[in-house]
Amino acid sequence: GSTSYADSVKGRFTISRDNAKNTVYLQM
């Protein structure tokens, strides 16, 4: 429900997670 980004990547990168798959993603 909450995310945080470095200023250098804000607006370009998106972090997400799928707990059912025990996986976190970083879309760049």
PDB file of all heavy atoms in Angstrom:
ATOM      1  N   GLY A   1       0.774  -1.221   0.000  1.00  0.00           N
ATOM      2  CA  GLY A   1       0.000   0.000   0.000  1.00  0.00           C
ATOM      3  C   GLY A   1       0.810   1.278   0.000  1.00  0.00           C
ATOM      4  O   GLY A   1       0.275   2.342  -0.323  1.00  0.00           O
ATOM      5  N   SER A   2       2.065   1.190   0.377  1.00  0.00           N
ATOM      6  CA  SER A   2       2.934   2.363   0.421  1.00  0.00           C
ATOM      7  C   SER A   2       4.213   2.095  -0.342  1.00  0.00           C
ATOM      8  O   SER A   2       4.774   1.000  -0.256  1.00  0.00           O
ATOM      9  CB  SER A   2       3.267   2.735   1.865  1.00  0.00           C
ATOM     10  OG  SER A   2       2.103   3.091   2.586  1.00  0.00           O
ATOM     11  N   THR A   3       4.664   3.092  -1.072  1.00  0.00           N
ATOM     12  CA  THR A   3       5.917   2.986  -1.809  1.00  0.00           C
ATOM     13  C   THR A   3       6.750   4.235  -1.594  1.00  0.00           C
ATOM     14  O   THR A   3       6.237   5.281  -1.194  1.00  0.00           O
ATOM     15  CB  THR A   3       5.682   2.796  -3.315  1.00  0.00           C
ATOM     16  OG1 THR A   3       4.902   3.896  -3.817  1.00  0.00           O
ATOM     17  CG2 THR A   3       4.943   1.499  -3.594  1.00  0.00           C
ATOM     18  N   SER A   4       8.029   4.111  -1.860  1.00  0.00           N
ATOM     19  CA  SER A   4       8.936   5.231  -1.756  1.00  0.00           C
ATOM     20  C   SER A   4       9.978   5.115  -2.860  1.00  0.00           C
ATOM     21  O   SER A   4      10.412   4.008  -3.195  1.00  0.00           O
ATOM     22  CB  SER A   4       9.615   5.250  -0.383  1.00  0.00           C
ATOM     23  OG  SER A   4      10.456   6.380  -0.244  1.00  0.00           O
ATOM     24  N   TYR A   5      10.373   6.255  -3.423  1.00  0.00           N
ATOM     25  CA  TYR A   5      11.323   6.259  -4.520  1.00  0.00           C
ATOM     26  C   TYR A   5      12.385   7.322  -4.319  1.00  0.00           C
ATOM     27  O   TYR A   5      12.123   8.390  -3.766  1.00  0.00           O
ATOM     28  CB  TYR A   5      10.623   6.540  -5.848  1.00  0.00           C
ATOM     29  CG  TYR A   5       9.597   5.508  -6.243  1.00  0.00           C
ATOM     30  CD1 TYR A   5       8.263   5.653  -5.894  1.00  0.00           C
ATOM     31  CD2 TYR A   5       9.976   4.383  -6.969  1.00  0.00           C
ATOM     32  CE1 TYR A   5       7.320   4.702  -6.250  1.00  0.00           C
ATOM     33  CE2 TYR A   5       9.040   3.426  -7.328  1.00  0.00           C
ATOM     34  CZ  TYR A   5       7.718   3.592  -6.971  1.00  0.00           C
ATOM     35  OH  TYR A   5       6.782   2.648  -7.329  1.00  0.00           O
ATOM     36  N   ALA A   6      13.571   7.021  -4.797  1.00  0.00           N
ATOM     37  CA  ALA A   6      14.606   8.036  -4.854  1.00  0.00           C
ATOM     38  C   ALA A   6      14.193   9.088  -5.875  1.00  0.00           C
ATOM     39  O   ALA A   6      13.531   8.782  -6.871  1.00  0.00           O
ATOM     40  CB  ALA A   6      15.939   7.418  -5.249  1.00  0.00           C
ATOM     41  N   ASP A   7      14.592  10.324  -5.629  1.00  0.00           N
ATOM     42  CA  ASP A   7      14.228  11.400  -6.543  1.00  0.00           C
ATOM     43  C   ASP A   7      14.706  11.133  -7.968  1.00  0.00           C
ATOM     44  O   ASP A   7      14.052  11.525  -8.941  1.00  0.00           O
ATOM     45  CB  ASP A   7      14.806  12.725  -6.057  1.00  0.00           C
ATOM     46  CG  ASP A   7      14.112  13.249  -4.817  1.00  0.00           C
ATOM     47  OD1 ASP A   7      12.979  12.817  -4.532  1.00  0.00           O
ATOM     48  OD2 ASP A   7      14.700  14.098  -4.125  1.00  0.00           O
ATOM     49  N   SER A   8      15.828  10.467  -8.096  1.00  0.00           N
ATOM     50  CA  SER A   8      16.420  10.224  -9.403  1.00  0.00           C
ATOM     51  C   SER A   8      15.605   9.273 -10.281  1.00  0.00           C
ATOM     52  O   SER A   8      15.778   9.255 -11.498  1.00  0.00           O
ATOM     53  CB  SER A   8      17.842   9.679  -9.245  1.00  0.00           C
ATOM     54  OG  SER A   8      17.844   8.476  -8.505  1.00  0.00           O
ATOM     55  N   VAL A   9      14.729   8.481  -9.663  1.00  0.00           N
ATOM     56  CA  VAL A   9      13.954   7.509 -10.428  1.00  0.00           C
ATOM     57  C   VAL A   9      12.458   7.754 -10.359  1.00  0.00           C
ATOM     58  O   VAL A   9      11.689   7.078 -11.065  1.00  0.00           O
ATOM     59  CB  VAL A   9      14.257   6.064  -9.979  1.00  0.00           C
ATOM     60  CG1 VAL A   9      15.751   5.793 -10.030  1.00  0.00           C
ATOM     61  CG2 VAL A   9      13.706   5.801  -8.575  1.00  0.00           C
ATOM     62  N   LYS A  10      12.040   8.685  -9.550  1.00  0.00           N
ATOM     63  CA  LYS A  10      10.617   8.961  -9.378  1.00  0.00           C
ATOM     64  C   LYS A  10       9.975   9.328 -10.714  1.00  0.00           C
ATOM     65  O   LYS A  10      10.483  10.157 -11.460  1.00  0.00           O
ATOM     66  CB  LYS A  10      10.428  10.085  -8.359  1.00  0.00           C
ATOM     67  CG  LYS A  10       8.992  10.296  -7.905  1.00  0.00           C
ATOM     68  CD  LYS A  10       8.924  11.310  -6.769  1.00  0.00           C
ATOM     69  CE  LYS A  10       9.681  10.822  -5.544  1.00  0.00           C
ATOM     70  NZ  LYS A  10       9.578  11.775  -4.403  1.00  0.00           N
ATOM     71  N   GLY A  11       8.857   8.692 -10.993  1.00  0.00           N
ATOM     72  CA  GLY A  11       8.162   8.931 -12.239  1.00  0.00           C
ATOM     73  C   GLY A  11       8.588   8.013 -13.357  1.00  0.00           C
ATOM     74  O   GLY A  11       7.910   7.935 -14.391  1.00  0.00           O
ATOM     75  N   ARG A  12       9.700   7.314 -13.171  1.00  0.00           N
ATOM     76  CA  ARG A  12      10.203   6.398 -14.192  1.00  0.00           C
ATOM     77  C   ARG A  12      10.152   4.937 -13.746  1.00  0.00           C
ATOM     78  O   ARG A  12       9.928   4.047 -14.565  1.00  0.00           O
ATOM     79  CB  ARG A  12      11.642   6.749 -14.575  1.00  0.00           C
ATOM     80  CG  ARG A  12      11.799   8.143 -15.164  1.00  0.00           C
ATOM     81  CD  ARG A  12      13.210   8.354 -15.705  1.00  0.00           C
ATOM     82  NE  ARG A  12      14.223   8.272 -14.646  1.00  0.00           N
ATOM     83  CZ  ARG A  12      15.214   7.376 -14.621  1.00  0.00           C
ATOM     84  NH1 ARG A  12      15.339   6.496 -15.608  1.00  0.00           N
ATOM     85  NH2 ARG A  12      16.095   7.380 -13.623  1.00  0.00           N
ATOM     86  N   PHE A  13      10.398   4.708 -12.468  1.00  0.00           N
ATOM     87  CA  PHE A  13      10.422   3.350 -11.928  1.00  0.00           C
ATOM     88  C   PHE A  13       9.175   3.095 -11.098  1.00  0.00           C
ATOM     89  O   PHE A  13       8.634   3.999 -10.454  1.00  0.00           O
ATOM     90  CB  PHE A  13      11.640   3.143 -11.030  1.00  0.00           C
ATOM     91  CG  PHE A  13      12.964   3.122 -11.739  1.00  0.00           C
ATOM     92  CD1 PHE A  13      13.089   3.474 -13.074  1.00  0.00           C
ATOM     93  CD2 PHE A  13      14.102   2.736 -11.043  1.00  0.00           C
ATOM     94  CE1 PHE A  13      14.321   3.457 -13.711  1.00  0.00           C
ATOM     95  CE2 PHE A  13      15.335   2.708 -11.667  1.00  0.00           C
ATOM     96  CZ  PHE A  13      15.444   3.068 -13.005  1.00  0.00           C
ATOM     97  N   THR A  14       8.745   1.848 -11.089  1.00  0.00           N
ATOM     98  CA  THR A  14       7.608   1.444 -10.278  1.00  0.00           C
ATOM     99  C   THR A  14       7.927   0.137  -9.571  1.00  0.00           C
ATOM    100  O   THR A  14       8.291  -0.847 -10.212  1.00  0.00           O
ATOM    101  CB  THR A  14       6.341   1.253 -11.124  1.00  0.00           C
ATOM    102  OG1 THR A  14       6.030   2.465 -11.815  1.00  0.00           O
ATOM    103  CG2 THR A  14       5.160   0.873 -10.233  1.00  0.00           C
ATOM    104  N   ILE A  15       7.800   0.141  -8.261  1.00  0.00           N
ATOM    105  CA  ILE A  15       8.013  -1.075  -7.487  1.00  0.00           C
ATOM    106  C   ILE A  15       6.665  -1.699  -7.170  1.00  0.00           C
ATOM    107  O   ILE A  15       5.684  -0.995  -6.913  1.00  0.00           O
ATOM    108  CB  ILE A  15       8.810  -0.787  -6.196  1.00  0.00           C
ATOM    109  CG1 ILE A  15       9.187  -2.094  -5.486  1.00  0.00           C
ATOM    110  CG2 ILE A  15       8.042   0.141  -5.265  1.00  0.00           C
ATOM    111  CD1 ILE A  15      10.164  -1.900  -4.323  1.00  0.00           C
ATOM    112  N   SER A  16       6.606  -3.008  -7.204  1.00  0.00           N
ATOM    113  CA  SER A  16       5.380  -3.717  -6.879  1.00  0.00           C
ATOM    114  C   SER A  16       5.738  -5.065  -6.276  1.00  0.00           C
ATOM    115  O   SER A  16       6.900  -5.490  -6.321  1.00  0.00           O
ATOM    116  CB  SER A  16       4.501  -3.894  -8.123  1.00  0.00           C
ATOM    117  OG  SER A  16       5.161  -4.675  -9.104  1.00  0.00           O
ATOM    118  N   ARG A  17       4.752  -5.726  -5.706  1.00  0.00           N
ATOM    119  CA  ARG A  17       5.014  -7.042  -5.138  1.00  0.00           C
ATOM    120  C   ARG A  17       3.812  -7.943  -5.303  1.00  0.00           C
ATOM    121  O   ARG A  17       2.671  -7.493  -5.368  1.00  0.00           O
ATOM    122  CB  ARG A  17       5.411  -6.936  -3.657  1.00  0.00           C
ATOM    123  CG  ARG A  17       4.307  -6.453  -2.726  1.00  0.00           C
ATOM    124  CD  ARG A  17       4.869  -6.147  -1.338  1.00  0.00           C
ATOM    125  NE  ARG A  17       5.396  -7.336  -0.684  1.00  0.00           N
ATOM    126  CZ  ARG A  17       6.236  -7.309   0.355  1.00  0.00           C
ATOM    127  NH1 ARG A  17       6.660  -6.145   0.841  1.00  0.00           N
ATOM    128  NH2 ARG A  17       6.652  -8.444   0.903  1.00  0.00           N
ATOM    129  N   ASP A  18       4.086  -9.213  -5.367  1.00  0.00           N
ATOM    130  CA  ASP A  18       3.064 -10.233  -5.430  1.00  0.00           C
ATOM    131  C   ASP A  18       3.381 -11.213  -4.316  1.00  0.00           C
ATOM    132  O   ASP A  18       4.228 -12.093  -4.473  1.00  0.00           O
ATOM    133  CB  ASP A  18       3.057 -10.923  -6.790  1.00  0.00           C
ATOM    134  CG  ASP A  18       1.906 -11.899  -6.941  1.00  0.00           C
ATOM    135  OD1 ASP A  18       1.344 -12.348  -5.928  1.00  0.00           O
ATOM    136  OD2 ASP A  18       1.561 -12.218  -8.096  1.00  0.00           O
ATOM    137  N   ASN A  19       2.726 -11.045  -3.188  1.00  0.00           N
ATOM    138  CA  ASN A  19       3.035 -11.869  -2.029  1.00  0.00           C
ATOM    139  C   ASN A  19       2.691 -13.343  -2.242  1.00  0.00           C
ATOM    140  O   ASN A  19       3.322 -14.222  -1.654  1.00  0.00           O
ATOM    141  CB  ASN A  19       2.303 -11.337  -0.793  1.00  0.00           C
ATOM    142  CG  ASN A  19       2.889 -10.038  -0.294  1.00  0.00           C
ATOM    143  OD1 ASN A  19       4.037  -9.701  -0.589  1.00  0.00           O
ATOM    144  ND2 ASN A  19       2.116  -9.285   0.479  1.00  0.00           N
ATOM    145  N   ALA A  20       1.700 -13.606  -3.075  1.00  0.00           N
ATOM    146  CA  ALA A  20       1.344 -14.986  -3.377  1.00  0.00           C
ATOM    147  C   ALA A  20       2.473 -15.704  -4.102  1.00  0.00           C
ATOM    148  O   ALA A  20       2.613 -16.921  -4.001  1.00  0.00           O
ATOM    149  CB  ALA A  20       0.072 -15.037  -4.205  1.00  0.00           C
ATOM    150  N   LYS A  21       3.280 -14.943  -4.835  1.00  0.00           N
ATOM    151  CA  LYS A  21       4.405 -15.507  -5.568  1.00  0.00           C
ATOM    152  C   LYS A  21       5.739 -15.254  -4.872  1.00  0.00           C
ATOM    153  O   LYS A  21       6.791 -15.623  -5.401  1.00  0.00           O
ATOM    154  CB  LYS A  21       4.467 -14.927  -6.977  1.00  0.00           C
ATOM    155  CG  LYS A  21       3.276 -15.289  -7.845  1.00  0.00           C
ATOM    156  CD  LYS A  21       3.433 -14.722  -9.242  1.00  0.00           C
ATOM    157  CE  LYS A  21       2.281 -15.129 -10.132  1.00  0.00           C
ATOM    158  NZ  LYS A  21       2.420 -14.576 -11.504  1.00  0.00           N
ATOM    159  N   ASN A  22       5.695 -14.618  -3.709  1.00  0.00           N
ATOM    160  CA  ASN A  22       6.917 -14.281  -2.969  1.00  0.00           C
ATOM    161  C   ASN A  22       7.905 -13.528  -3.849  1.00  0.00           C
ATOM    162  O   ASN A  22       9.109 -13.810  -3.850  1.00  0.00           O
ATOM    163  CB  ASN A  22       7.579 -15.538  -2.405  1.00  0.00           C
ATOM    164  CG  ASN A  22       6.777 -16.180  -1.299  1.00  0.00           C
ATOM    165  OD1 ASN A  22       5.964 -15.527  -0.643  1.00  0.00           O
ATOM    166  ND2 ASN A  22       7.000 -17.466  -1.076  1.00  0.00           N
ATOM    167  N   THR A  23       7.398 -12.564  -4.578  1.00  0.00           N
ATOM    168  CA  THR A  23       8.219 -11.861  -5.557  1.00  0.00           C
ATOM    169  C   THR A  23       7.972 -10.361  -5.509  1.00  0.00           C
ATOM    170  O   THR A  23       6.833  -9.916  -5.362  1.00  0.00           O
ATOM    171  CB  THR A  23       7.940 -12.381  -6.973  1.00  0.00           C
ATOM    172  OG1 THR A  23       8.189 -13.790  -7.023  1.00  0.00           O
ATOM    173  CG2 THR A  23       8.838 -11.692  -7.990  1.00  0.00           C
ATOM    174  N   VAL A  24       9.039  -9.599  -5.642  1.00  0.00           N
ATOM    175  CA  VAL A  24       8.951  -8.154  -5.760  1.00  0.00           C
ATOM    176  C   VAL A  24       9.531  -7.761  -7.113  1.00  0.00           C
ATOM    177  O   VAL A  24      10.471  -8.394  -7.603  1.00  0.00           O
ATOM    178  CB  VAL A  24       9.686  -7.445  -4.596  1.00  0.00           C
ATOM    179  CG1 VAL A  24      11.165  -7.783  -4.589  1.00  0.00           C
ATOM    180  CG2 VAL A  24       9.469  -5.942  -4.667  1.00  0.00           C
ATOM    181  N   TYR A  25       8.966  -6.731  -7.716  1.00  0.00           N
ATOM    182  CA  TYR A  25       9.364  -6.310  -9.049  1.00  0.00           C
ATOM    183  C   TYR A  25       9.807  -4.853  -9.056  1.00  0.00           C
ATOM    184  O   TYR A  25       9.399  -4.053  -8.221  1.00  0.00           O
ATOM    185  CB  TYR A  25       8.206  -6.457 -10.030  1.00  0.00           C
ATOM    186  CG  TYR A  25       7.601  -7.832 -10.074  1.00  0.00           C
ATOM    187  CD1 TYR A  25       6.481  -8.145  -9.308  1.00  0.00           C
ATOM    188  CD2 TYR A  25       8.143  -8.823 -10.886  1.00  0.00           C
ATOM    189  CE1 TYR A  25       5.916  -9.406  -9.345  1.00  0.00           C
ATOM    190  CE2 TYR A  25       7.584 -10.088 -10.924  1.00  0.00           C
ATOM    191  CZ  TYR A  25       6.470 -10.376 -10.154  1.00  0.00           C
ATOM    192  OH  TYR A  25       5.922 -11.632 -10.199  1.00  0.00           O
ATOM    193  N   LEU A  26      10.622  -4.532 -10.014  1.00  0.00           N
ATOM    194  CA  LEU A  26      10.974  -3.150 -10.273  1.00  0.00           C
ATOM    195  C   LEU A  26      10.850  -2.912 -11.768  1.00  0.00           C
ATOM    196  O   LEU A  26      11.669  -3.394 -12.548  1.00  0.00           O
ATOM    197  CB  LEU A  26      12.397  -2.831  -9.804  1.00  0.00           C
ATOM    198  CG  LEU A  26      12.817  -1.368  -9.948  1.00  0.00           C
ATOM    199  CD1 LEU A  26      11.997  -0.485  -9.006  1.00  0.00           C
ATOM    200  CD2 LEU A  26      14.305  -1.193  -9.672  1.00  0.00           C
ATOM    201  N   GLN A  27       9.809  -2.199 -12.144  1.00  0.00           N
ATOM    202  CA  GLN A  27       9.615  -1.833 -13.535  1.00  0.00           C
ATOM    203  C   GLN A  27      10.356  -0.533 -13.794  1.00  0.00           C
ATOM    204  O   GLN A  27      10.088   0.478 -13.146  1.00  0.00           O
ATOM    205  CB  GLN A  27       8.125  -1.654 -13.846  1.00  0.00           C
ATOM    206  CG  GLN A  27       7.820  -1.222 -15.272  1.00  0.00           C
ATOM    207  CD  GLN A  27       8.195  -2.269 -16.288  1.00  0.00           C
ATOM    208  OE1 GLN A  27       7.855  -3.442 -16.119  1.00  0.00           O
ATOM    209  NE2 GLN A  27       8.905  -1.874 -17.337  1.00  0.00           N
ATOM    210  N   MET A  28      11.274  -0.561 -14.723  1.00  0.00           N
ATOM    211  CA  MET A  28      12.108   0.592 -15.017  1.00  0.00           C
ATOM    212  C   MET A  28      11.818   1.070 -16.432  1.00  0.00           C
ATOM    213  O   MET A  28      12.042   0.335 -17.395  1.00  0.00           O
ATOM    214  CB  MET A  28      13.585   0.242 -14.865  1.00  0.00           C
ATOM    215  CG  MET A  28      13.935  -0.331 -13.497  1.00  0.00           C
ATOM    216  SD  MET A  28      15.712  -0.659 -13.298  1.00  0.00           S
ATOM    217  CE  MET A  28      15.904  -1.995 -14.479  1.00  0.00           C
TER     218      MET A  28
END
